[in-house]
C-alpha cells in the first residue's frame, strides 16, 4: 500500500520525505506512527532532558552515561546512537543554553534603545540563569571542564563582539591607546565572574542590585573609553 499526504510518503511502513532537490529521502520504518528520524529526535530530547535534570540535582562532575540512561529510561545502545561520549551530551546541553541566551540577547539588541541595551542584556543573562537550576549549574561549573570552558569562552567572545558593536553606548572619539573591543571583553569577563560568584553564593546581594551594579559599571566603562 502506498499513501501520499502533504508530500509525506508511506510505503509498506517505510517513511520518505521529499528533499529540497526533489530527491526522495528514506527515513526508515515507522513504528507507533513515528519514523526512525522522529524516534531518534524523541530519544535525543529525552537524553538531554535527563542530563539537564541531573545537572540541576548533582552538578556536572557526577554525571555518567549510566545515570542519564536510567533517568531517561533508555538503554546505553540508544545513548550511543545519539552521542559518541558524555562530553558530546554536555556540549549539546551547553549549546542549547547558549542558543537560548543568544536568542534572548538578540531580542534586546533589536528592540531596546541603545542607552538601555546594556541593562537589558545583563538582566536577560542573569534572569535566564536564575530561572533554571540546570542552566545555572552548567554555566557556573563549565570553567572546571576543558571542553565546556572552551565553548563558554568562545560564546563569551561572540557575545563581546555583539555587545561592543550594538550595546555599549561609547561616547566621543576613541582614545588612540584604548581598544574598545578589549575594554568590552574586560567588562563582560568581570560580569561573568561576578555572576558565577553570585550563583555560587559567594556574593551576597539580590538579583536587582547585581544587575543594576553591573549595568552602572558597564556604562561607566563605555563613557571612559
Protein backbone atom coordinates (compact mmCIF):
# COMPACT_ATOMS: atom_id res chain seq x y z
CA UNK A 1 0.00 0.00 0.00
CA UNK A 2 1.32 3.45 -0.92
CA UNK A 3 -0.16 6.64 0.58
CA UNK A 4 0.85 10.22 -0.31
CA UNK A 5 -0.22 13.00 2.08
CA UNK A 6 1.27 16.51 2.24
CA UNK A 7 4.43 15.34 0.43
CA UNK A 8 4.96 12.61 3.05
CA UNK A 9 5.01 9.09 1.64
CA UNK A 10 4.36 5.83 3.48
CA UNK A 11 5.33 2.73 1.56
CA UNK A 12 4.98 -0.57 3.43
CA UNK A 13 5.94 1.10 6.72
CA UNK A 14 8.97 2.89 5.26
CA UNK A 15 8.87 6.68 5.69
CA UNK A 16 10.11 9.01 2.98
CA UNK A 17 10.26 12.76 2.68
CA UNK A 18 10.83 14.88 -0.40
CA UNK A 19 14.15 16.73 -0.19
CA UNK A 20 14.62 20.30 -1.42
CA UNK A 21 16.19 18.97 -4.61
CA UNK A 22 13.19 16.76 -5.31
CA UNK A 23 15.03 13.55 -4.36
CA UNK A 24 13.14 11.14 -2.12
CA UNK A 25 14.86 10.62 1.23
CA UNK A 26 14.27 7.38 3.13
CA UNK A 27 13.89 7.88 6.88
CA UNK A 28 13.24 4.31 7.97
CA UNK A 29 10.30 2.20 9.02
CA UNK A 30 7.50 3.71 11.07
CA UNK A 31 6.55 2.35 14.49
CA UNK A 32 3.71 3.77 16.52
CA UNK A 33 3.20 6.40 13.84
CA UNK A 34 6.79 7.73 14.14
CA UNK A 35 9.57 7.47 11.58
CA UNK A 36 13.09 6.43 12.58
CA UNK A 37 14.16 10.08 12.40
CA UNK A 38 11.30 11.15 14.67
CA UNK A 39 12.12 8.37 17.13
CA UNK A 40 15.77 9.47 17.15
CA UNK A 41 14.76 13.07 17.82
CA UNK A 42 12.48 11.95 20.65
CA UNK A 43 15.25 9.85 22.25
CA UNK A 44 17.73 12.70 21.92
CA UNK A 45 15.30 15.08 23.62
CA UNK A 46 14.77 12.58 26.46
CA UNK A 47 18.51 12.22 26.99
CA UNK A 48 19.02 15.99 27.01
CA UNK A 49 16.13 16.46 29.46
CA UNK A 50 17.55 13.72 31.70
CA UNK A 51 21.03 15.29 31.64
CA UNK A 52 19.64 18.73 32.49
CA UNK A 53 17.61 17.30 35.38
CA UNK A 54 20.68 15.53 36.77
CA UNK A 55 22.88 18.62 36.37
CA UNK A 56 20.30 20.58 38.36
CA UNK A 57 20.37 17.95 41.11
CA UNK A 58 24.02 16.88 41.35
CA UNK A 59 26.04 19.09 39.01
CA UNK A 60 28.26 18.27 36.05
CA UNK A 61 31.04 16.18 37.61
CA UNK A 62 28.94 13.24 38.92
CA UNK A 63 27.08 12.87 35.62
CA UNK A 64 27.57 9.47 33.94
CA UNK A 65 26.12 7.77 30.89
CA UNK A 66 24.50 5.17 33.17
CA UNK A 67 22.76 7.83 35.28
CA UNK A 68 21.49 9.66 32.21
CA UNK A 69 20.16 6.45 30.66
CA UNK A 70 18.45 5.44 33.89
CA UNK A 71 16.78 8.85 34.18
CA UNK A 72 15.76 8.83 30.50
CA UNK A 73 14.66 5.16 30.70
CA UNK A 74 16.69 4.29 27.66
CA UNK A 75 19.39 1.70 27.11
CA UNK A 76 23.01 2.69 26.53
CA UNK A 77 22.62 1.43 22.99
CA UNK A 78 20.27 4.34 22.31
CA UNK A 79 22.56 6.78 24.09
CA UNK A 80 25.47 5.91 21.80
CA UNK A 81 23.21 6.15 18.78
CA UNK A 82 22.75 9.85 19.60
CA UNK A 83 26.04 10.84 21.32
CA UNK A 84 29.56 9.47 20.98
CA UNK A 85 30.53 10.34 24.57
CA UNK A 86 29.26 12.01 27.70
CA UNK A 87 31.20 15.10 26.69
CA UNK A 88 29.19 15.29 23.47
CA UNK A 89 26.00 15.25 25.53
CA UNK A 90 27.32 18.04 27.78
CA UNK A 91 28.32 20.03 24.71
CA UNK A 92 24.75 19.69 23.43
CA UNK A 93 23.37 20.89 26.78
CA UNK A 94 25.70 23.88 26.72
CA UNK A 95 24.90 24.66 23.08
CA UNK A 96 21.20 24.68 23.98
CA UNK A 97 21.83 27.10 26.85
CA UNK A 98 23.92 29.50 24.77
CA UNK A 99 21.45 29.28 21.91
CA UNK A 100 18.67 30.46 24.20
CA UNK A 101 20.87 33.20 25.66
CA UNK A 102 21.75 34.43 22.16
CA UNK A 103 18.11 34.44 21.11
CA UNK A 104 17.13 36.44 24.19
CA UNK A 105 20.05 38.84 23.68
CA UNK A 106 19.05 39.28 20.03
CA UNK A 107 15.59 40.33 21.17
CA UNK A 108 17.13 43.02 23.39
CA UNK A 109 19.52 44.27 20.72
CA UNK A 110 16.78 44.63 18.12
CA UNK A 111 14.00 46.13 20.27
CA UNK A 112 15.58 48.14 23.11
CA UNK A 113 17.02 51.68 22.66
CA UNK A 114 20.83 51.85 22.78
CA UNK A 115 21.08 53.56 26.21
CA UNK A 116 19.12 50.70 27.80
CA UNK A 117 20.64 47.76 25.95
CA UNK A 118 23.48 47.02 28.40
CA UNK A 119 20.97 46.75 31.23
CA UNK A 120 18.66 44.64 29.06
CA UNK A 121 21.40 42.18 28.09
CA UNK A 122 22.67 41.79 31.66
CA UNK A 123 19.16 41.37 33.01
CA UNK A 124 18.44 38.72 30.37
CA UNK A 125 21.57 36.71 31.19
CA UNK A 126 21.04 36.81 34.94
CA UNK A 127 17.31 36.09 34.72
CA UNK A 128 17.86 33.13 32.38
CA UNK A 129 20.35 31.56 34.77
CA UNK A 130 18.22 32.24 37.84
CA UNK A 131 15.16 30.68 36.20
CA UNK A 132 16.79 27.26 35.76
CA UNK A 133 18.95 25.36 38.23
CA UNK A 134 20.32 23.26 35.34
CA UNK A 135 21.35 26.34 33.37
CA UNK A 136 22.87 27.98 36.44
CA UNK A 137 24.95 24.96 37.46
CA UNK A 138 26.11 24.25 33.92
CA UNK A 139 27.14 27.87 33.43
CA UNK A 140 29.00 28.25 36.71
CA UNK A 141 30.67 24.81 36.60
CA UNK A 142 31.78 24.99 32.96
CA UNK A 143 35.17 26.62 33.76
CA UNK A 144 36.18 23.39 35.53
CA UNK A 145 35.85 21.23 32.39
CA UNK A 146 38.15 21.91 29.41
CA UNK A 147 35.61 21.39 26.61
CA UNK A 148 32.84 23.26 28.39
CA UNK A 149 35.25 26.06 29.30
CA UNK A 150 36.41 26.35 25.68
CA UNK A 151 32.80 26.53 24.49
CA UNK A 152 31.93 29.10 27.15
CA UNK A 153 34.92 31.27 26.25
CA UNK A 154 34.04 31.06 22.56
CA UNK A 155 30.49 32.17 23.30
CA UNK A 156 31.70 34.98 25.57
CA UNK A 157 33.96 36.21 22.76
CA UNK A 158 31.00 36.22 20.38
CA UNK A 159 28.80 37.98 22.95
CA UNK A 160 31.54 40.56 23.41
CA UNK A 161 31.68 41.46 19.73
CA UNK A 162 27.90 41.94 19.56
CA UNK A 163 27.80 43.96 22.78
CA UNK A 164 30.71 46.18 21.72
CA UNK A 165 29.05 46.88 18.38
CA UNK A 166 25.43 47.19 19.46
CA UNK A 167 25.07 47.61 23.23
CA UNK A 168 27.95 49.72 24.53
CA UNK A 169 26.98 53.43 24.39
CA UNK A 170 30.50 54.70 23.67
CA UNK A 171 30.74 58.49 23.56
CA UNK A 172 33.24 60.76 21.85
CA UNK A 173 36.25 59.72 19.81
CA UNK A 174 38.07 56.55 20.90
CA UNK A 175 41.41 57.13 22.61
CA UNK A 176 44.32 56.03 20.38
CA UNK A 177 45.78 53.83 23.10
CA UNK A 178 42.50 52.11 24.03
CA UNK A 179 40.96 49.07 22.32
CA UNK A 180 37.20 49.35 22.82
CA UNK A 181 36.61 45.68 21.97
CA UNK A 182 39.17 44.70 24.60
CA UNK A 183 37.52 47.06 27.09
CA UNK A 184 34.18 45.42 26.38
CA UNK A 185 35.74 41.98 26.86
CA UNK A 186 37.07 43.12 30.23
CA UNK A 187 33.58 44.27 31.24
CA UNK A 188 31.97 41.03 30.01
CA UNK A 189 34.59 38.87 31.73
CA UNK A 190 34.17 40.76 35.00
CA UNK A 191 30.40 40.45 34.75
CA UNK A 192 30.70 36.72 34.05
CA UNK A 193 32.91 36.20 37.10
CA UNK A 194 30.56 38.19 39.34
CA UNK A 195 27.50 36.33 38.08
CA UNK A 196 29.21 32.96 38.67
CA UNK A 197 30.28 34.07 42.15
CA UNK A 198 26.74 35.20 42.89
CA UNK A 199 25.27 31.89 41.67
CA UNK A 200 27.75 30.04 43.89
CA UNK A 201 26.56 32.12 46.85
CA UNK A 202 29.93 33.82 47.33
CA UNK A 203 28.42 37.27 46.66
CA UNK A 204 25.53 38.25 48.90
CA UNK A 205 23.13 40.54 47.10
CA UNK A 206 19.82 40.33 45.26
CA UNK A 207 19.24 39.97 41.52
CA UNK A 208 18.09 43.57 41.05
CA UNK A 209 21.16 45.03 42.81
CA UNK A 210 23.50 42.72 40.92
CA UNK A 211 22.11 43.74 37.53
CA UNK A 212 21.97 47.44 38.44
CA UNK A 213 25.57 47.39 39.67
CA UNK A 214 26.87 45.54 36.61
CA UNK A 215 24.98 47.96 34.36
CA UNK A 216 26.45 51.00 36.11
CA UNK A 217 29.95 49.54 35.81
CA UNK A 218 29.46 48.78 32.12
CA UNK A 219 28.10 52.23 31.32
CA UNK A 220 30.93 53.81 33.27
CA UNK A 221 33.45 51.89 31.19
CA UNK A 222 31.69 52.93 27.98
CA UNK A 223 31.89 56.59 28.98
CA UNK A 224 35.55 56.37 29.93
CA UNK A 225 36.92 54.83 26.75
